[in-house]
Amino acid sequence: MTFSEIQPLVIEIVTAQKASREEKLLQICALLEANVAHYNWVGFYFANPTTQTLHLGPYVGAPTDHTVIPFGKGICGQVAVSNNNFVVPDVAAQDNYIACSFTVKSEIVVPLFVNGVNIGQIDIDSNVLDPFTAYDERFLEFVNNEIAKLF
């Protein structure tokens, strides 16, 4: 599926009346992982500003031990501090990378803003080197803008 074909499905999930926020987030993870060939792990991390940590939310993909990530550590932790998208074409070339799986070759993390505050992020790992483009960034920004309506 193309990003433009997936967008209305994201809206449909977000606006569904009968599912909880957690269920909707998990459905979005499953939708993206199943329909974007280079999205091999899709999940959300949510910020705890008091402890300066990110906490794993719903995700689809291989299990991870990284359920709590300090701000500044790894790609996700850096996005919690910078408030900017972070695209890593080759995780092996990244100094501050937290390895989740030997199969992961690249990563993209896009912050999730609610009322101008970074409350978390969508994190996507790929088993392909350098697959992420500006189209992925714009699409994931769209996804997060829709998800922000759930908060």
N, C-alpha and C. Protein backbone atom coordinates (compact mmCIF):
# COMPACT_ATOMS: atom_id res chain seq x y z
N MET A 1 0.84 -1.20 0.00
CA MET A 1 0.00 0.00 0.00
C MET A 1 0.88 1.25 0.00
N THR A 2 0.37 2.30 -0.60
CA THR A 2 1.07 3.57 -0.58
C THR A 2 0.69 4.34 0.69
N PHE A 3 1.49 5.33 1.04
CA PHE A 3 1.16 6.15 2.20
C PHE A 3 -0.21 6.80 2.05
N SER A 4 -0.52 7.27 0.84
CA SER A 4 -1.82 7.92 0.63
C SER A 4 -2.98 6.94 0.78
N GLU A 5 -2.74 5.66 0.52
CA GLU A 5 -3.79 4.65 0.74
C GLU A 5 -3.94 4.30 2.22
N ILE A 6 -2.85 4.43 2.97
CA ILE A 6 -2.89 4.11 4.39
C ILE A 6 -3.49 5.24 5.22
N GLN A 7 -3.32 6.48 4.77
CA GLN A 7 -3.79 7.63 5.55
C GLN A 7 -5.26 7.54 5.96
N PRO A 8 -6.20 7.23 5.06
CA PRO A 8 -7.60 7.15 5.49
C PRO A 8 -7.84 6.03 6.50
N LEU A 9 -7.03 4.98 6.43
CA LEU A 9 -7.17 3.87 7.39
C LEU A 9 -6.71 4.31 8.78
N VAL A 10 -5.70 5.16 8.83
CA VAL A 10 -5.25 5.72 10.11
C VAL A 10 -6.37 6.56 10.71
N ILE A 11 -6.98 7.41 9.89
CA ILE A 11 -8.09 8.25 10.36
C ILE A 11 -9.23 7.38 10.86
N GLU A 12 -9.53 6.33 10.14
CA GLU A 12 -10.60 5.41 10.53
C GLU A 12 -10.32 4.80 11.91
N ILE A 13 -9.09 4.39 12.14
CA ILE A 13 -8.72 3.81 13.44
C ILE A 13 -8.86 4.86 14.54
N VAL A 14 -8.33 6.06 14.31
CA VAL A 14 -8.35 7.11 15.32
C VAL A 14 -9.78 7.50 15.69
N THR A 15 -10.66 7.54 14.71
CA THR A 15 -12.03 8.00 14.97
C THR A 15 -12.99 6.88 15.37
N ALA A 16 -12.51 5.64 15.41
CA ALA A 16 -13.37 4.52 15.82
C ALA A 16 -13.88 4.76 17.24
N GLN A 17 -15.15 4.50 17.47
CA GLN A 17 -15.77 4.79 18.76
C GLN A 17 -15.52 3.71 19.80
N LYS A 18 -15.40 2.47 19.40
CA LYS A 18 -15.45 1.36 20.35
C LYS A 18 -14.10 0.91 20.89
N ALA A 19 -13.01 1.44 20.39
CA ALA A 19 -11.69 0.98 20.83
C ALA A 19 -11.08 1.98 21.81
N SER A 20 -10.29 1.47 22.74
CA SER A 20 -9.57 2.33 23.67
C SER A 20 -8.39 2.97 22.95
N ARG A 21 -7.77 3.97 23.58
CA ARG A 21 -6.60 4.61 22.99
C ARG A 21 -5.48 3.59 22.78
N GLU A 22 -5.25 2.72 23.76
CA GLU A 22 -4.20 1.70 23.63
C GLU A 22 -4.49 0.76 22.46
N GLU A 23 -5.74 0.36 22.32
CA GLU A 23 -6.12 -0.52 21.20
C GLU A 23 -5.91 0.18 19.86
N LYS A 24 -6.25 1.46 19.80
CA LYS A 24 -6.07 2.21 18.56
C LYS A 24 -4.59 2.33 18.20
N LEU A 25 -3.75 2.60 19.21
CA LEU A 25 -2.31 2.71 18.95
C LEU A 25 -1.75 1.38 18.45
N LEU A 26 -2.19 0.29 19.06
CA LEU A 26 -1.74 -1.03 18.62
C LEU A 26 -2.23 -1.33 17.20
N GLN A 27 -3.45 -0.95 16.88
CA GLN A 27 -3.98 -1.15 15.52
C GLN A 27 -3.17 -0.36 14.50
N ILE A 28 -2.77 0.86 14.86
CA ILE A 28 -1.96 1.67 13.94
C ILE A 28 -0.60 1.01 13.75
N CYS A 29 0.01 0.52 14.83
CA CYS A 29 1.29 -0.19 14.71
C CYS A 29 1.15 -1.36 13.75
N ALA A 30 0.11 -2.15 13.94
CA ALA A 30 -0.11 -3.33 13.10
C ALA A 30 -0.35 -2.93 11.65
N LEU A 31 -1.13 -1.88 11.44
CA LEU A 31 -1.41 -1.40 10.08
C LEU A 31 -0.12 -1.01 9.37
N LEU A 32 0.72 -0.24 10.04
CA LEU A 32 1.96 0.23 9.41
C LEU A 32 2.93 -0.92 9.16
N GLU A 33 3.10 -1.78 10.16
CA GLU A 33 4.03 -2.90 10.02
C GLU A 33 3.61 -3.84 8.89
N ALA A 34 2.32 -4.06 8.74
CA ALA A 34 1.81 -4.99 7.74
C ALA A 34 1.81 -4.41 6.32
N ASN A 35 1.76 -3.09 6.20
CA ASN A 35 1.54 -2.49 4.89
C ASN A 35 2.68 -1.65 4.34
N VAL A 36 3.73 -1.44 5.13
CA VAL A 36 4.91 -0.73 4.63
C VAL A 36 6.06 -1.72 4.72
N ALA A 37 6.56 -2.14 3.58
CA ALA A 37 7.51 -3.25 3.51
C ALA A 37 8.75 -3.05 4.38
N HIS A 38 9.23 -1.82 4.48
CA HIS A 38 10.47 -1.59 5.24
C HIS A 38 10.22 -1.20 6.69
N TYR A 39 8.97 -1.35 7.18
CA TYR A 39 8.68 -1.11 8.60
C TYR A 39 8.61 -2.48 9.29
N ASN A 40 9.68 -2.85 9.97
CA ASN A 40 9.76 -4.18 10.58
C ASN A 40 9.45 -4.20 12.07
N TRP A 41 9.52 -3.06 12.72
CA TRP A 41 9.14 -2.91 14.13
C TRP A 41 8.54 -1.53 14.25
N VAL A 42 7.32 -1.45 14.76
CA VAL A 42 6.62 -0.17 14.87
C VAL A 42 6.09 -0.06 16.29
N GLY A 43 6.45 1.02 16.96
CA GLY A 43 5.97 1.18 18.33
C GLY A 43 5.98 2.62 18.78
N PHE A 44 5.42 2.81 19.97
CA PHE A 44 5.34 4.13 20.58
C PHE A 44 6.07 4.11 21.91
N TYR A 45 6.74 5.22 22.19
CA TYR A 45 7.31 5.48 23.51
C TYR A 45 6.65 6.77 24.01
N PHE A 46 6.34 6.79 25.30
CA PHE A 46 5.71 7.97 25.89
C PHE A 46 6.58 8.53 27.01
N ALA A 47 6.65 9.86 27.05
CA ALA A 47 7.54 10.55 27.97
C ALA A 47 6.95 10.67 29.37
N ASN A 48 7.84 10.52 30.35
CA ASN A 48 7.54 10.88 31.73
C ASN A 48 8.49 12.02 32.05
N PRO A 49 7.99 13.27 31.98
CA PRO A 49 8.88 14.42 32.17
C PRO A 49 9.49 14.48 33.57
N THR A 50 8.79 13.95 34.56
CA THR A 50 9.29 13.99 35.93
C THR A 50 10.56 13.16 36.08
N THR A 51 10.56 11.95 35.52
CA THR A 51 11.72 11.06 35.63
C THR A 51 12.67 11.19 34.44
N GLN A 52 12.27 12.01 33.44
CA GLN A 52 13.09 12.20 32.23
C GLN A 52 13.36 10.86 31.55
N THR A 53 12.28 10.07 31.41
CA THR A 53 12.37 8.76 30.78
C THR A 53 11.24 8.57 29.78
N LEU A 54 11.50 7.69 28.82
CA LEU A 54 10.48 7.25 27.86
C LEU A 54 10.05 5.85 28.26
N HIS A 55 8.76 5.57 28.09
CA HIS A 55 8.21 4.27 28.46
C HIS A 55 7.54 3.64 27.25
N LEU A 56 7.87 2.39 27.00
CA LEU A 56 7.32 1.68 25.85
C LEU A 56 5.81 1.56 25.96
N GLY A 57 5.16 1.90 24.86
CA GLY A 57 3.72 1.73 24.75
C GLY A 57 3.44 0.60 23.78
N PRO A 58 2.28 0.64 23.14
CA PRO A 58 1.94 -0.40 22.18
C PRO A 58 2.98 -0.49 21.06
N TYR A 59 3.23 -1.73 20.63
CA TYR A 59 4.16 -1.94 19.52
C TYR A 59 3.85 -3.26 18.84
N VAL A 60 4.37 -3.39 17.62
CA VAL A 60 4.27 -4.64 16.85
C VAL A 60 5.67 -4.93 16.32
N GLY A 61 6.11 -6.14 16.57
CA GLY A 61 7.43 -6.57 16.12
C GLY A 61 8.07 -7.43 17.18
N ALA A 62 9.35 -7.69 17.00
CA ALA A 62 10.08 -8.54 17.94
C ALA A 62 10.05 -7.92 19.34
N PRO A 63 10.00 -8.75 20.37
CA PRO A 63 10.03 -8.23 21.74
C PRO A 63 11.31 -7.42 21.97
N THR A 64 11.20 -6.43 22.85
CA THR A 64 12.36 -5.59 23.17
C THR A 64 12.53 -5.52 24.68
N ASP A 65 13.79 -5.47 25.11
CA ASP A 65 14.11 -5.26 26.52
C ASP A 65 14.09 -3.77 26.86
N HIS A 66 14.02 -2.93 25.85
CA HIS A 66 14.12 -1.48 26.05
C HIS A 66 12.74 -0.89 26.34
N THR A 67 12.25 -1.14 27.55
CA THR A 67 10.93 -0.66 27.94
C THR A 67 10.99 0.72 28.59
N VAL A 68 12.14 1.09 29.11
CA VAL A 68 12.36 2.43 29.68
C VAL A 68 13.68 2.95 29.13
N ILE A 69 13.64 4.15 28.55
CA ILE A 69 14.82 4.76 27.95
C ILE A 69 15.00 6.15 28.54
N PRO A 70 16.16 6.44 29.12
CA PRO A 70 16.42 7.79 29.64
C PRO A 70 16.47 8.82 28.51
N PHE A 71 15.97 10.01 28.78
CA PHE A 71 16.10 11.10 27.82
C PHE A 71 17.58 11.23 27.46
N GLY A 72 17.87 11.41 26.18
CA GLY A 72 19.23 11.60 25.69
C GLY A 72 19.92 10.32 25.28
N LYS A 73 19.40 9.15 25.70
CA LYS A 73 20.07 7.88 25.39
C LYS A 73 19.42 7.24 24.17
N GLY A 74 20.24 6.80 23.23
CA GLY A 74 19.71 6.18 22.02
C GLY A 74 19.02 7.19 21.14
N ILE A 75 18.48 6.70 20.05
CA ILE A 75 17.80 7.58 19.09
C ILE A 75 16.53 8.15 19.72
N CYS A 76 15.74 7.29 20.36
CA CYS A 76 14.50 7.73 20.99
C CYS A 76 14.77 8.77 22.06
N GLY A 77 15.76 8.51 22.90
CA GLY A 77 16.09 9.46 23.96
C GLY A 77 16.57 10.80 23.43
N GLN A 78 17.26 10.77 22.29
CA GLN A 78 17.72 12.03 21.68
C GLN A 78 16.54 12.82 21.13
N VAL A 79 15.55 12.13 20.58
CA VAL A 79 14.37 12.82 20.05
C VAL A 79 13.55 13.44 21.19
N ALA A 80 13.55 12.78 22.34
CA ALA A 80 12.84 13.33 23.51
C ALA A 80 13.44 14.68 23.92
N VAL A 81 14.73 14.87 23.66
CA VAL A 81 15.41 16.10 24.02
C VAL A 81 15.36 17.12 22.88
N SER A 82 15.58 16.66 21.65
CA SER A 82 15.69 17.58 20.50
C SER A 82 14.35 18.06 19.96
N ASN A 83 13.30 17.24 20.13
CA ASN A 83 11.98 17.52 19.55
C ASN A 83 11.99 17.50 18.03
N ASN A 84 12.98 16.86 17.44
CA ASN A 84 13.10 16.78 15.98
C ASN A 84 13.06 15.33 15.52
N ASN A 85 12.61 15.14 14.28
CA ASN A 85 12.69 13.82 13.66
C ASN A 85 14.15 13.39 13.63
N PHE A 86 14.36 12.08 13.70
CA PHE A 86 15.72 11.54 13.62
C PHE A 86 15.67 10.33 12.71
N VAL A 87 16.37 10.41 11.59
CA VAL A 87 16.47 9.31 10.64
C VAL A 87 17.89 8.77 10.69
N VAL A 88 18.01 7.47 10.92
CA VAL A 88 19.31 6.82 10.98
C VAL A 88 19.39 5.83 9.83
N PRO A 89 20.12 6.18 8.76
CA PRO A 89 20.21 5.29 7.60
C PRO A 89 20.91 3.97 7.90
N ASP A 90 21.90 4.03 8.83
CA ASP A 90 22.68 2.83 9.17
C ASP A 90 22.98 2.89 10.67
N VAL A 91 22.29 2.06 11.45
CA VAL A 91 22.45 2.10 12.90
C VAL A 91 23.87 1.73 13.33
N ALA A 92 24.58 0.97 12.52
CA ALA A 92 25.95 0.58 12.86
C ALA A 92 26.89 1.78 12.86
N ALA A 93 26.52 2.83 12.17
CA ALA A 93 27.35 4.04 12.10
C ALA A 93 26.98 5.07 13.16
N GLN A 94 26.00 4.76 13.99
CA GLN A 94 25.49 5.70 15.00
C GLN A 94 26.12 5.40 16.36
N ASP A 95 26.77 6.40 16.95
CA ASP A 95 27.44 6.21 18.24
C ASP A 95 26.45 5.98 19.39
N ASN A 96 25.41 6.77 19.45
CA ASN A 96 24.47 6.72 20.58
C ASN A 96 23.24 5.90 20.20
N TYR A 97 23.46 4.67 19.78
CA TYR A 97 22.37 3.79 19.35
C TYR A 97 22.21 2.66 20.36
N ILE A 98 20.96 2.36 20.72
CA ILE A 98 20.67 1.23 21.59
C ILE A 98 20.24 0.08 20.69
N ALA A 99 21.04 -0.95 20.61
CA ALA A 99 20.74 -2.09 19.74
C ALA A 99 19.58 -2.90 20.30
N CYS A 100 18.56 -3.06 19.48
CA CYS A 100 17.40 -3.87 19.89
C CYS A 100 17.51 -5.28 19.32
N SER A 101 18.01 -5.37 18.11
CA SER A 101 18.11 -6.66 17.43
C SER A 101 19.21 -6.58 16.39
N PHE A 102 19.91 -7.66 16.19
CA PHE A 102 20.98 -7.67 15.18
C PHE A 102 20.42 -7.52 13.77
N THR A 103 19.12 -7.73 13.56
CA THR A 103 18.52 -7.61 12.24
C THR A 103 18.23 -6.15 11.86
N VAL A 104 18.18 -5.27 12.85
CA VAL A 104 17.84 -3.87 12.59
C VAL A 104 19.02 -3.18 11.91
N LYS A 105 18.73 -2.54 10.79
CA LYS A 105 19.76 -1.84 10.02
C LYS A 105 19.58 -0.32 10.04
N SER A 106 18.32 0.13 10.22
CA SER A 106 18.04 1.57 10.18
C SER A 106 16.84 1.87 11.07
N GLU A 107 16.67 3.17 11.38
CA GLU A 107 15.61 3.56 12.30
C GLU A 107 15.14 4.97 11.96
N ILE A 108 13.86 5.21 12.23
CA ILE A 108 13.30 6.55 12.14
C ILE A 108 12.44 6.77 13.38
N VAL A 109 12.60 7.95 13.97
CA VAL A 109 11.82 8.32 15.15
C VAL A 109 11.25 9.71 14.90
N VAL A 110 9.93 9.83 15.11
CA VAL A 110 9.23 11.10 14.88
C VAL A 110 8.48 11.46 16.16
N PRO A 111 8.75 12.67 16.71
CA PRO A 111 8.09 13.05 17.96
C PRO A 111 6.59 13.24 17.80
N LEU A 112 5.89 13.00 18.89
CA LEU A 112 4.43 13.14 18.97
C LEU A 112 4.12 14.34 19.85
N PHE A 113 3.55 15.37 19.25
CA PHE A 113 3.24 16.60 19.98
C PHE A 113 1.75 16.69 20.26
N VAL A 114 1.42 17.08 21.49
CA VAL A 114 0.05 17.40 21.87
C VAL A 114 0.09 18.79 22.48
N ASN A 115 -0.64 19.73 21.86
CA ASN A 115 -0.63 21.12 22.30
C ASN A 115 0.79 21.67 22.42
N GLY A 116 1.64 21.33 21.45
CA GLY A 116 3.00 21.85 21.40
C GLY A 116 3.99 21.18 22.32
N VAL A 117 3.54 20.15 23.07
CA VAL A 117 4.43 19.45 24.00
C VAL A 117 4.75 18.06 23.45
N ASN A 118 6.02 17.71 23.46
CA ASN A 118 6.47 16.39 23.00
C ASN A 118 6.11 15.37 24.09
N ILE A 119 5.06 14.58 23.84
CA ILE A 119 4.62 13.60 24.84
C ILE A 119 5.16 12.20 24.56
N GLY A 120 5.80 12.04 23.41
CA GLY A 120 6.31 10.72 23.05
C GLY A 120 6.74 10.71 21.60
N GLN A 121 6.71 9.50 21.02
CA GLN A 121 7.20 9.37 19.66
C GLN A 121 6.79 8.03 19.07
N ILE A 122 6.78 8.03 17.75
CA ILE A 122 6.65 6.78 17.03
C ILE A 122 8.06 6.38 16.62
N ASP A 123 8.37 5.11 16.82
CA ASP A 123 9.70 4.58 16.55
C ASP A 123 9.55 3.42 15.57
N ILE A 124 10.31 3.47 14.49
CA ILE A 124 10.24 2.41 13.49
C ILE A 124 11.64 1.92 13.17
N ASP A 125 11.80 0.60 13.27
CA ASP A 125 13.05 -0.06 12.89
C ASP A 125 12.84 -0.77 11.56
N SER A 126 13.90 -0.79 10.78
CA SER A 126 13.86 -1.49 9.50
C SER A 126 15.05 -2.44 9.41
N ASN A 127 14.82 -3.57 8.78
CA ASN A 127 15.89 -4.54 8.54
C ASN A 127 16.60 -4.26 7.21
N VAL A 128 16.35 -3.08 6.65
CA VAL A 128 16.93 -2.65 5.38
C VAL A 128 17.80 -1.42 5.64
N LEU A 129 18.94 -1.34 5.00
CA LEU A 129 19.78 -0.15 5.11
C LEU A 129 19.16 1.02 4.34
N ASP A 130 19.10 2.17 4.98
CA ASP A 130 18.73 3.44 4.36
C ASP A 130 17.43 3.43 3.55
N PRO A 131 16.30 2.93 4.12
CA PRO A 131 15.06 2.91 3.35
C PRO A 131 14.20 4.15 3.54
N PHE A 132 14.49 4.96 4.57
CA PHE A 132 13.59 6.04 4.94
C PHE A 132 13.86 7.29 4.11
N THR A 133 12.78 7.92 3.64
CA THR A 133 12.86 9.13 2.82
C THR A 133 12.06 10.24 3.49
N ALA A 134 12.07 11.38 2.86
CA ALA A 134 11.26 12.51 3.33
C ALA A 134 9.78 12.12 3.32
N TYR A 135 9.38 11.21 2.43
CA TYR A 135 7.98 10.76 2.39
C TYR A 135 7.62 10.01 3.67
N ASP A 136 8.55 9.20 4.17
CA ASP A 136 8.31 8.52 5.46
C ASP A 136 8.13 9.55 6.57
N GLU A 137 8.98 10.56 6.58
CA GLU A 137 8.87 11.59 7.63
C GLU A 137 7.53 12.31 7.56
N ARG A 138 7.13 12.74 6.37
CA ARG A 138 5.85 13.46 6.25
C ARG A 138 4.68 12.53 6.62
N PHE A 139 4.74 11.28 6.21
CA PHE A 139 3.68 10.32 6.53
C PHE A 139 3.60 10.10 8.04
N LEU A 140 4.72 9.90 8.69
CA LEU A 140 4.71 9.66 10.13
C LEU A 140 4.31 10.91 10.91
N GLU A 141 4.62 12.09 10.40
CA GLU A 141 4.13 13.32 11.00
C GLU A 141 2.60 13.37 10.89
N PHE A 142 2.06 12.97 9.75
CA PHE A 142 0.61 12.87 9.58
C PHE A 142 0.02 11.90 10.61
N VAL A 143 0.62 10.71 10.73
CA VAL A 143 0.14 9.70 11.68
C VAL A 143 0.12 10.29 13.09
N ASN A 144 1.21 10.94 13.48
CA ASN A 144 1.27 11.50 14.83
C ASN A 144 0.28 12.64 15.03
N ASN A 145 0.04 13.44 14.00
CA ASN A 145 -0.97 14.50 14.10
C ASN A 145 -2.35 13.91 14.35
N GLU A 146 -2.63 12.79 13.71
CA GLU A 146 -3.92 12.11 13.94
C GLU A 146 -3.97 11.51 15.34
N ILE A 147 -2.88 10.88 15.75
CA ILE A 147 -2.83 10.25 17.08
C ILE A 147 -2.97 11.30 18.18
N ALA A 148 -2.43 12.48 17.95
CA ALA A 148 -2.53 13.56 18.96
C ALA A 148 -3.98 13.86 19.33
N LYS A 149 -4.90 13.59 18.43
CA LYS A 149 -6.34 13.83 18.69
C LYS A 149 -6.88 12.89 19.76
N LEU A 150 -6.14 11.84 20.07
CA LEU A 150 -6.57 10.86 21.09
C LEU A 150 -6.23 11.32 22.51
N PHE A 151 -5.45 12.40 22.62
CA PHE A 151 -5.00 12.86 23.94
C PHE A 151 -5.69 14.15 24.35
